[in-house]
Amino acid sequence: MIISEALALVAVAIQFILPNAVGISLHGTHKTIALPIRWVVPLLLISIAGVLSLAALFNMYWRLAHVPISVTGQ
């Protein structure tokens, strides 16, 4: 969870550092879409942070779900 939060913080910081004039072009069959690198890199990093966060939450749930419950007093 800490790693994903740090990665999201880096993504926000990179948003202000990257130039606006450099872009990435995606070519389709009849269309070309150009996106600024200032948008693409932070979105990629935030997506990776989200996947890491979901993996950490699933790991915590899996550990809690498999804790043996002892019944006392019988």
PDB file of N, CA and C in Angstrom:
ATOM      1  N   MET A   1       0.824  -1.195   0.000  1.00  0.00           N
ATOM      2  CA  MET A   1       0.000   0.000   0.000  1.00  0.00           C
ATOM      3  C   MET A   1       0.869   1.260   0.000  1.00  0.00           C
ATOM      4  N   ILE A   2       1.943   1.239   0.747  1.00  0.00           N
ATOM      5  CA  ILE A   2       2.828   2.399   0.812  1.00  0.00           C
ATOM      6  C   ILE A   2       3.491   2.633  -0.541  1.00  0.00           C
ATOM      7  N   ILE A   3       3.869   1.551  -1.210  1.00  0.00           N
ATOM      8  CA  ILE A   3       4.500   1.676  -2.523  1.00  0.00           C
ATOM      9  C   ILE A   3       3.519   2.280  -3.526  1.00  0.00           C
ATOM     10  N   SER A   4       2.277   1.845  -3.487  1.00  0.00           N
ATOM     11  CA  SER A   4       1.296   2.392  -4.433  1.00  0.00           C
ATOM     12  C   SER A   4       1.009   3.864  -4.145  1.00  0.00           C
ATOM     13  N   GLU A   5       0.982   4.241  -2.885  1.00  0.00           N
ATOM     14  CA  GLU A   5       0.770   5.655  -2.553  1.00  0.00           C
ATOM     15  C   GLU A   5       1.951   6.506  -3.000  1.00  0.00           C
ATOM     16  N   ALA A   6       3.157   5.981  -2.819  1.00  0.00           N
ATOM     17  CA  ALA A   6       4.345   6.715  -3.268  1.00  0.00           C
ATOM     18  C   ALA A   6       4.358   6.839  -4.789  1.00  0.00           C
ATOM     19  N   LEU A   7       3.944   5.793  -5.482  1.00  0.00           N
ATOM     20  CA  LEU A   7       3.902   5.830  -6.936  1.00  0.00           C
ATOM     21  C   LEU A   7       2.870   6.842  -7.433  1.00  0.00           C
ATOM     22  N   ALA A   8       1.745   6.943  -6.760  1.00  0.00           N
ATOM     23  CA  ALA A   8       0.740   7.947  -7.124  1.00  0.00           C
ATOM     24  C   ALA A   8       1.271   9.365  -6.866  1.00  0.00           C
ATOM     25  N   LEU A   9       2.033   9.539  -5.802  1.00  0.00           N
ATOM     26  CA  LEU A   9       2.632  10.842  -5.513  1.00  0.00           C
ATOM     27  C   LEU A   9       3.651  11.209  -6.587  1.00  0.00           C
ATOM     28  N   VAL A  10       4.446  10.239  -7.027  1.00  0.00           N
ATOM     29  CA  VAL A  10       5.417  10.479  -8.099  1.00  0.00           C
ATOM     30  C   VAL A  10       4.693  10.851  -9.388  1.00  0.00           C
ATOM     31  N   ALA A  11       3.569  10.204  -9.653  1.00  0.00           N
ATOM     32  CA  ALA A  11       2.798  10.517 -10.862  1.00  0.00           C
ATOM     33  C   ALA A  11       2.312  11.956 -10.850  1.00  0.00           C
ATOM     34  N   VAL A  12       1.869  12.434  -9.707  1.00  0.00           N
ATOM     35  CA  VAL A  12       1.404  13.824  -9.609  1.00  0.00           C
ATOM     36  C   VAL A  12       2.574  14.784  -9.772  1.00  0.00           C
ATOM     37  N   ALA A  13       3.725  14.439  -9.204  1.00  0.00           N
ATOM     38  CA  ALA A  13       4.899  15.304  -9.335  1.00  0.00           C
ATOM     39  C   ALA A  13       5.398  15.344 -10.777  1.00  0.00           C
ATOM     40  N   ILE A  14       5.365  14.207 -11.463  1.00  0.00           N
ATOM     41  CA  ILE A  14       5.822  14.152 -12.853  1.00  0.00           C
ATOM     42  C   ILE A  14       4.912  14.976 -13.751  1.00  0.00           C
ATOM     43  N   GLN A  15       3.656  15.083 -13.399  1.00  0.00           N
ATOM     44  CA  GLN A  15       2.706  15.871 -14.174  1.00  0.00           C
ATOM     45  C   GLN A  15       3.211  17.296 -14.381  1.00  0.00           C
ATOM     46  N   PHE A  16       3.881  17.857 -13.388  1.00  0.00           N
ATOM     47  CA  PHE A  16       4.338  19.235 -13.472  1.00  0.00           C
ATOM     48  C   PHE A  16       5.729  19.368 -14.074  1.00  0.00           C
ATOM     49  N   ILE A  17       6.459  18.257 -14.212  1.00  0.00           N
ATOM     50  CA  ILE A  17       7.832  18.301 -14.716  1.00  0.00           C
ATOM     51  C   ILE A  17       7.899  18.061 -16.220  1.00  0.00           C
ATOM     52  N   LEU A  18       7.089  17.158 -16.735  1.00  0.00           N
ATOM     53  CA  LEU A  18       7.169  16.776 -18.147  1.00  0.00           C
ATOM     54  C   LEU A  18       6.731  17.917 -19.058  1.00  0.00           C
ATOM     55  N   PRO A  19       7.337  17.983 -20.247  1.00  0.00           N
ATOM     56  CA  PRO A  19       6.945  19.058 -21.180  1.00  0.00           C
ATOM     57  C   PRO A  19       5.590  18.790 -21.813  1.00  0.00           C
ATOM     58  N   ASN A  20       4.940  19.842 -22.227  1.00  0.00           N
ATOM     59  CA  ASN A  20       3.624  19.740 -22.837  1.00  0.00           C
ATOM     60  C   ASN A  20       3.709  19.549 -24.347  1.00  0.00           C
ATOM     61  N   ALA A  21       4.849  19.892 -24.949  1.00  0.00           N
ATOM     62  CA  ALA A  21       4.987  19.851 -26.402  1.00  0.00           C
ATOM     63  C   ALA A  21       5.301  18.453 -26.933  1.00  0.00           C
ATOM     64  N   VAL A  22       5.806  17.557 -26.113  1.00  0.00           N
ATOM     65  CA  VAL A  22       6.157  16.206 -26.554  1.00  0.00           C
ATOM     66  C   VAL A  22       4.926  15.329 -26.429  1.00  0.00           C
ATOM     67  N   GLY A  23       4.693  14.507 -27.456  1.00  0.00           N
ATOM     68  CA  GLY A  23       3.491  13.684 -27.439  1.00  0.00           C
ATOM     69  C   GLY A  23       3.745  12.265 -27.893  1.00  0.00           C
ATOM     70  N   ILE A  24       2.721  11.447 -27.748  1.00  0.00           N
ATOM     71  CA  ILE A  24       2.719  10.061 -28.198  1.00  0.00           C
ATOM     72  C   ILE A  24       1.591   9.936 -29.207  1.00  0.00           C
ATOM     73  N   SER A  25       1.907   9.382 -30.360  1.00  0.00           N
ATOM     74  CA  SER A  25       0.897   9.205 -31.402  1.00  0.00           C
ATOM     75  C   SER A  25       0.451   7.752 -31.453  1.00  0.00           C
ATOM     76  N   LEU A  26      -0.839   7.550 -31.455  1.00  0.00           N
ATOM     77  CA  LEU A  26      -1.422   6.224 -31.600  1.00  0.00           C
ATOM     78  C   LEU A  26      -2.106   6.164 -32.960  1.00  0.00           C
ATOM     79  N   HIS A  27      -1.622   5.280 -33.817  1.00  0.00           N
ATOM     80  CA  HIS A  27      -2.153   5.181 -35.174  1.00  0.00           C
ATOM     81  C   HIS A  27      -3.117   4.011 -35.272  1.00  0.00           C
ATOM     82  N   GLY A  28      -4.312   4.307 -35.705  1.00  0.00           N
ATOM     83  CA  GLY A  28      -5.308   3.272 -35.956  1.00  0.00           C
ATOM     84  C   GLY A  28      -5.408   3.024 -37.451  1.00  0.00           C
ATOM     85  N   THR A  29      -6.475   2.391 -37.872  1.00  0.00           N
ATOM     86  CA  THR A  29      -6.636   2.124 -39.298  1.00  0.00           C
ATOM     87  C   THR A  29      -6.923   3.398 -40.083  1.00  0.00           C
ATOM     88  N   HIS A  30      -7.794   4.260 -39.565  1.00  0.00           N
ATOM     89  CA  HIS A  30      -8.140   5.484 -40.277  1.00  0.00           C
ATOM     90  C   HIS A  30      -7.952   6.734 -39.425  1.00  0.00           C
ATOM     91  N   LYS A  31      -7.567   6.557 -38.174  1.00  0.00           N
ATOM     92  CA  LYS A  31      -7.455   7.706 -37.280  1.00  0.00           C
ATOM     93  C   LYS A  31      -6.093   7.709 -36.598  1.00  0.00           C
ATOM     94  N   THR A  32      -5.654   8.885 -36.259  1.00  0.00           N
ATOM     95  CA  THR A  32      -4.438   9.053 -35.467  1.00  0.00           C
ATOM     96  C   THR A  32      -4.791   9.905 -34.260  1.00  0.00           C
ATOM     97  N   ILE A  33      -4.425   9.417 -33.101  1.00  0.00           N
ATOM     98  CA  ILE A  33      -4.683  10.146 -31.858  1.00  0.00           C
ATOM     99  C   ILE A  33      -3.334  10.530 -31.263  1.00  0.00           C
ATOM    100  N   ALA A  34      -3.158  11.778 -30.964  1.00  0.00           N
ATOM    101  CA  ALA A  34      -1.929  12.266 -30.347  1.00  0.00           C
ATOM    102  C   ALA A  34      -2.256  12.762 -28.939  1.00  0.00           C
ATOM    103  N   LEU A  35      -1.535  12.229 -27.983  1.00  0.00           N
ATOM    104  CA  LEU A  35      -1.728  12.629 -26.586  1.00  0.00           C
ATOM    105  C   LEU A  35      -0.414  13.193 -26.038  1.00  0.00           C
ATOM    106  N   PRO A  36      -0.487  14.244 -25.242  1.00  0.00           N
ATOM    107  CA  PRO A  36       0.738  14.765 -24.637  1.00  0.00           C
ATOM    108  C   PRO A  36       1.339  13.748 -23.661  1.00  0.00           C
ATOM    109  N   ILE A  37       2.644  13.658 -23.654  1.00  0.00           N
ATOM    110  CA  ILE A  37       3.324  12.731 -22.743  1.00  0.00           C
ATOM    111  C   ILE A  37       3.065  13.140 -21.299  1.00  0.00           C
ATOM    112  N   ARG A  38       2.723  14.404 -21.114  1.00  0.00           N
ATOM    113  CA  ARG A  38       2.408  14.906 -19.782  1.00  0.00           C
ATOM    114  C   ARG A  38       1.144  14.261 -19.225  1.00  0.00           C
ATOM    115  N   TRP A  39       0.284  13.741 -20.095  1.00  0.00           N
ATOM    116  CA  TRP A  39      -0.924  13.038 -19.657  1.00  0.00           C
ATOM    117  C   TRP A  39      -0.691  11.547 -19.546  1.00  0.00           C
ATOM    118  N   VAL A  40       0.064  10.987 -20.484  1.00  0.00           N
ATOM    119  CA  VAL A  40       0.180   9.534 -20.605  1.00  0.00           C
ATOM    120  C   VAL A  40       0.981   8.932 -19.457  1.00  0.00           C
ATOM    121  N   VAL A  41       2.124   9.513 -19.137  1.00  0.00           N
ATOM    122  CA  VAL A  41       2.992   8.939 -18.096  1.00  0.00           C
ATOM    123  C   VAL A  41       2.317   8.951 -16.719  1.00  0.00           C
ATOM    124  N   PRO A  42       1.725  10.064 -16.277  1.00  0.00           N
ATOM    125  CA  PRO A  42       1.046  10.013 -14.980  1.00  0.00           C
ATOM    126  C   PRO A  42      -0.130   9.037 -14.948  1.00  0.00           C
ATOM    127  N   LEU A  43      -0.881   8.939 -16.048  1.00  0.00           N
ATOM    128  CA  LEU A  43      -1.988   7.985 -16.069  1.00  0.00           C
ATOM    129  C   LEU A  43      -1.491   6.548 -15.978  1.00  0.00           C
ATOM    130  N   LEU A  44      -0.375   6.260 -16.641  1.00  0.00           N
ATOM    131  CA  LEU A  44       0.218   4.928 -16.548  1.00  0.00           C
ATOM    132  C   LEU A  44       0.678   4.630 -15.119  1.00  0.00           C
ATOM    133  N   LEU A  45       1.344   5.594 -14.497  1.00  0.00           N
ATOM    134  CA  LEU A  45       1.821   5.385 -13.124  1.00  0.00           C
ATOM    135  C   LEU A  45       0.664   5.250 -12.137  1.00  0.00           C
ATOM    136  N   ILE A  46      -0.396   6.029 -12.317  1.00  0.00           N
ATOM    137  CA  ILE A  46      -1.554   5.922 -11.425  1.00  0.00           C
ATOM    138  C   ILE A  46      -2.259   4.586 -11.635  1.00  0.00           C
ATOM    139  N   SER A  47      -2.294   4.104 -12.869  1.00  0.00           N
ATOM    140  CA  SER A  47      -2.892   2.793 -13.129  1.00  0.00           C
ATOM    141  C   SER A  47      -2.100   1.683 -12.456  1.00  0.00           C
ATOM    142  N   ILE A  48      -0.780   1.761 -12.538  1.00  0.00           N
ATOM    143  CA  ILE A  48       0.065   0.763 -11.867  1.00  0.00           C
ATOM    144  C   ILE A  48      -0.124   0.845 -10.356  1.00  0.00           C
ATOM    145  N   ALA A  49      -0.224   2.057  -9.824  1.00  0.00           N
ATOM    146  CA  ALA A  49      -0.452   2.229  -8.387  1.00  0.00           C
ATOM    147  C   ALA A  49      -1.792   1.631  -7.971  1.00  0.00           C
ATOM    148  N   GLY A  50      -2.812   1.790  -8.802  1.00  0.00           N
ATOM    149  CA  GLY A  50      -4.116   1.202  -8.499  1.00  0.00           C
ATOM    150  C   GLY A  50      -4.078  -0.314  -8.489  1.00  0.00           C
ATOM    151  N   VAL A  51      -3.362  -0.897  -9.443  1.00  0.00           N
ATOM    152  CA  VAL A  51      -3.232  -2.360  -9.476  1.00  0.00           C
ATOM    153  C   VAL A  51      -2.479  -2.850  -8.252  1.00  0.00           C
ATOM    154  N   LEU A  52      -1.408  -2.164  -7.876  1.00  0.00           N
ATOM    155  CA  LEU A  52      -0.667  -2.554  -6.671  1.00  0.00           C
ATOM    156  C   LEU A  52      -1.526  -2.432  -5.422  1.00  0.00           C
ATOM    157  N   SER A  53      -2.328  -1.387  -5.354  1.00  0.00           N
ATOM    158  CA  SER A  53      -3.208  -1.198  -4.205  1.00  0.00           C
ATOM    159  C   SER A  53      -4.253  -2.304  -4.126  1.00  0.00           C
ATOM    160  N   LEU A  54      -4.850  -2.659  -5.263  1.00  0.00           N
ATOM    161  CA  LEU A  54      -5.824  -3.752  -5.263  1.00  0.00           C
ATOM    162  C   LEU A  54      -5.178  -5.087  -4.889  1.00  0.00           C
ATOM    163  N   ALA A  55      -3.963  -5.306  -5.357  1.00  0.00           N
ATOM    164  CA  ALA A  55      -3.255  -6.548  -5.001  1.00  0.00           C
ATOM    165  C   ALA A  55      -2.974  -6.593  -3.498  1.00  0.00           C
ATOM    166  N   ALA A  56      -2.604  -5.459  -2.919  1.00  0.00           N
ATOM    167  CA  ALA A  56      -2.346  -5.416  -1.479  1.00  0.00           C
ATOM    168  C   ALA A  56      -3.632  -5.645  -0.686  1.00  0.00           C
ATOM    169  N   LEU A  57      -4.725  -5.045  -1.128  1.00  0.00           N
ATOM    170  CA  LEU A  57      -5.999  -5.263  -0.440  1.00  0.00           C
ATOM    171  C   LEU A  57      -6.450  -6.718  -0.535  1.00  0.00           C
ATOM    172  N   PHE A  58      -6.291  -7.325  -1.702  1.00  0.00           N
ATOM    173  CA  PHE A  58      -6.649  -8.730  -1.860  1.00  0.00           C
ATOM    174  C   PHE A  58      -5.771  -9.616  -0.984  1.00  0.00           C
ATOM    175  N   ASN A  59      -4.483  -9.272  -0.887  1.00  0.00           N
ATOM    176  CA  ASN A  59      -3.574 -10.041  -0.035  1.00  0.00           C
ATOM    177  C   ASN A  59      -3.986  -9.942   1.435  1.00  0.00           C
ATOM    178  N   MET A  60      -4.359  -8.746   1.882  1.00  0.00           N
ATOM    179  CA  MET A  60      -4.805  -8.594   3.272  1.00  0.00           C
ATOM    180  C   MET A  60      -6.101  -9.359   3.517  1.00  0.00           C
ATOM    181  N   TYR A  61      -7.027  -9.296   2.570  1.00  0.00           N
ATOM    182  CA  TYR A  61      -8.271 -10.049   2.705  1.00  0.00           C
ATOM    183  C   TYR A  61      -7.989 -11.539   2.754  1.00  0.00           C
ATOM    184  N   TRP A  62      -7.100 -12.032   1.882  1.00  0.00           N
ATOM    185  CA  TRP A  62      -6.800 -13.460   1.822  1.00  0.00           C
ATOM    186  C   TRP A  62      -6.193 -13.948   3.143  1.00  0.00           C
ATOM    187  N   ARG A  63      -5.317 -13.116   3.715  1.00  0.00           N
ATOM    188  CA  ARG A  63      -4.728 -13.493   5.009  1.00  0.00           C
ATOM    189  C   ARG A  63      -5.777 -13.532   6.108  1.00  0.00           C
ATOM    190  N   LEU A  64      -6.672 -12.543   6.140  1.00  0.00           N
ATOM    191  CA  LEU A  64      -7.712 -12.520   7.162  1.00  0.00           C
ATOM    192  C   LEU A  64      -8.725 -13.636   6.969  1.00  0.00           C
ATOM    193  N   ALA A  65      -8.997 -13.988   5.737  1.00  0.00           N
ATOM    194  CA  ALA A  65      -9.991 -15.028   5.462  1.00  0.00           C
ATOM    195  C   ALA A  65      -9.489 -16.415   5.843  1.00  0.00           C
ATOM    196  N   HIS A  66      -8.192 -16.578   5.936  1.00  0.00           N
ATOM    197  CA  HIS A  66      -7.636 -17.896   6.240  1.00  0.00           C
ATOM    198  C   HIS A  66      -7.010 -17.988   7.638  1.00  0.00           C
ATOM    199  N   VAL A  67      -7.431 -17.115   8.514  1.00  0.00           N
ATOM    200  CA  VAL A  67      -6.997 -17.187   9.911  1.00  0.00           C
ATOM    201  C   VAL A  67      -7.885 -18.209  10.601  1.00  0.00           C
ATOM    202  N   PRO A  68      -7.292 -19.217  11.239  1.00  0.00           N
ATOM    203  CA  PRO A  68      -8.139 -20.204  11.917  1.00  0.00           C
ATOM    204  C   PRO A  68      -8.840 -19.578  13.126  1.00  0.00           C
ATOM    205  N   ILE A  69     -10.098 -19.872  13.260  1.00  0.00           N
ATOM    206  CA  ILE A  69     -10.884 -19.360  14.377  1.00  0.00           C
ATOM    207  C   ILE A  69     -10.971 -20.462  15.417  1.00  0.00           C
ATOM    208  N   SER A  70     -10.466 -20.145  16.594  1.00  0.00           N
ATOM    209  CA  SER A  70     -10.531 -21.144  17.665  1.00  0.00           C
ATOM    210  C   SER A  70     -11.774 -20.872  18.523  1.00  0.00           C
ATOM    211  N   VAL A  71     -12.496 -21.925  18.807  1.00  0.00           N
ATOM    212  CA  VAL A  71     -13.687 -21.800  19.630  1.00  0.00           C
ATOM    213  C   VAL A  71     -13.289 -22.187  21.051  1.00  0.00           C
ATOM    214  N   THR A  72     -13.419 -21.247  21.959  1.00  0.00           N
ATOM    215  CA  THR A  72     -13.040 -21.509  23.357  1.00  0.00           C
ATOM    216  C   THR A  72     -14.301 -21.653  24.195  1.00  0.00           C
ATOM    217  N   GLY A  73     -14.142 -22.298  25.325  1.00  0.00           N
ATOM    218  CA  GLY A  73     -15.238 -22.448  26.265  1.00  0.00           C
ATOM    219  C   GLY A  73     -16.068 -23.691  26.049  1.00  0.00           C
ATOM    220  N   GLN A  74     -15.612 -24.603  25.213  1.00  0.00           N
ATOM    221  CA  GLN A  74     -16.380 -25.821  25.039  1.00  0.00           C
ATOM    222  C   GLN A  74     -15.652 -27.011  25.602  1.00  0.00           C
TER     223      GLN A  74
END
